[in-house]
Amino acid sequence: MSLDLRVYLVLDPALTSGRSPLEIAEAALGGGVTALQLRWKSGPLREMMQLGEALRALCRRYGVPFLINDRVDVAMALHADGVHLGQEDFPPEVARHLLGPQALIGVSARTPAQAQAAEAAGADYLGSGSVFPTASRANPVLIGLEGLAAVVRSTRLPVVAIGGVTPENAAACIRMGAAGVAVISAITQAPDPAAAARALRQAVDEALAERKKRPEGDPG
């Protein structure tokens, strides 16, 4: 499945304010989310599998890739489209061996060195941040827009910006060279997840269109 990183939803059931993760996912996909990752940090594995099966079916219906955070074993069991790995998780090359050449493998990278290592290990894309302050992670390391730009410059892989991204600041990430934005609370805790997804998609699409008009090398 092709990878479209424009609006990448990281769905964490612990951060949905008690609402149904599946309902939020369907609303977000209807609003224009282009990739979806299930992030499950605690709770019974059986519940993760049940939710994962439902999300996989939903993503198939919308033609959107479905990825699993960290858990290569769960990705295999669910026949997910891929995984997203942190710096302390499964090595990307081992994940590739287990999941096969068709799997989408993303890796978190805060620095150019991490980005280059992930590219050498066979990653398909990078997630870089936190670009802005965020409440979705405990004690996030802020890299800012300049840090994001440094990661983008260091690799041929597409980079998705994560951390505190909103419809108001998404365009700034695209201007730094990001292929898209990844969000958690901007959608999962929005009063209207579909509207939040539409706003993000519009901001990203407009910024990408503007970037195409610029002379190469012009940061905007």
Foldseek 3Di string as FASTA:
>chain_A
DDAQAAEEEEEEVVQQVPDDSLVLLLLLLLLPHAEYEYEYDDDDPVVVLVVLLSVQVSCVVSVHFYEYEQDLVSCVVNVGQAYEYEPPGDQLLVSCVVNDPRHAYEYEDQALVRLVSNVVSPHQAYEYAPQDADPPDPPTDGNHLVSLLRNQVSDPHAYEYEHPDFLVCFLSNVLSPHSHYYYYCLQSVDPRNSVRSNSSSVSSVVSNVVVVPDDPPDSD
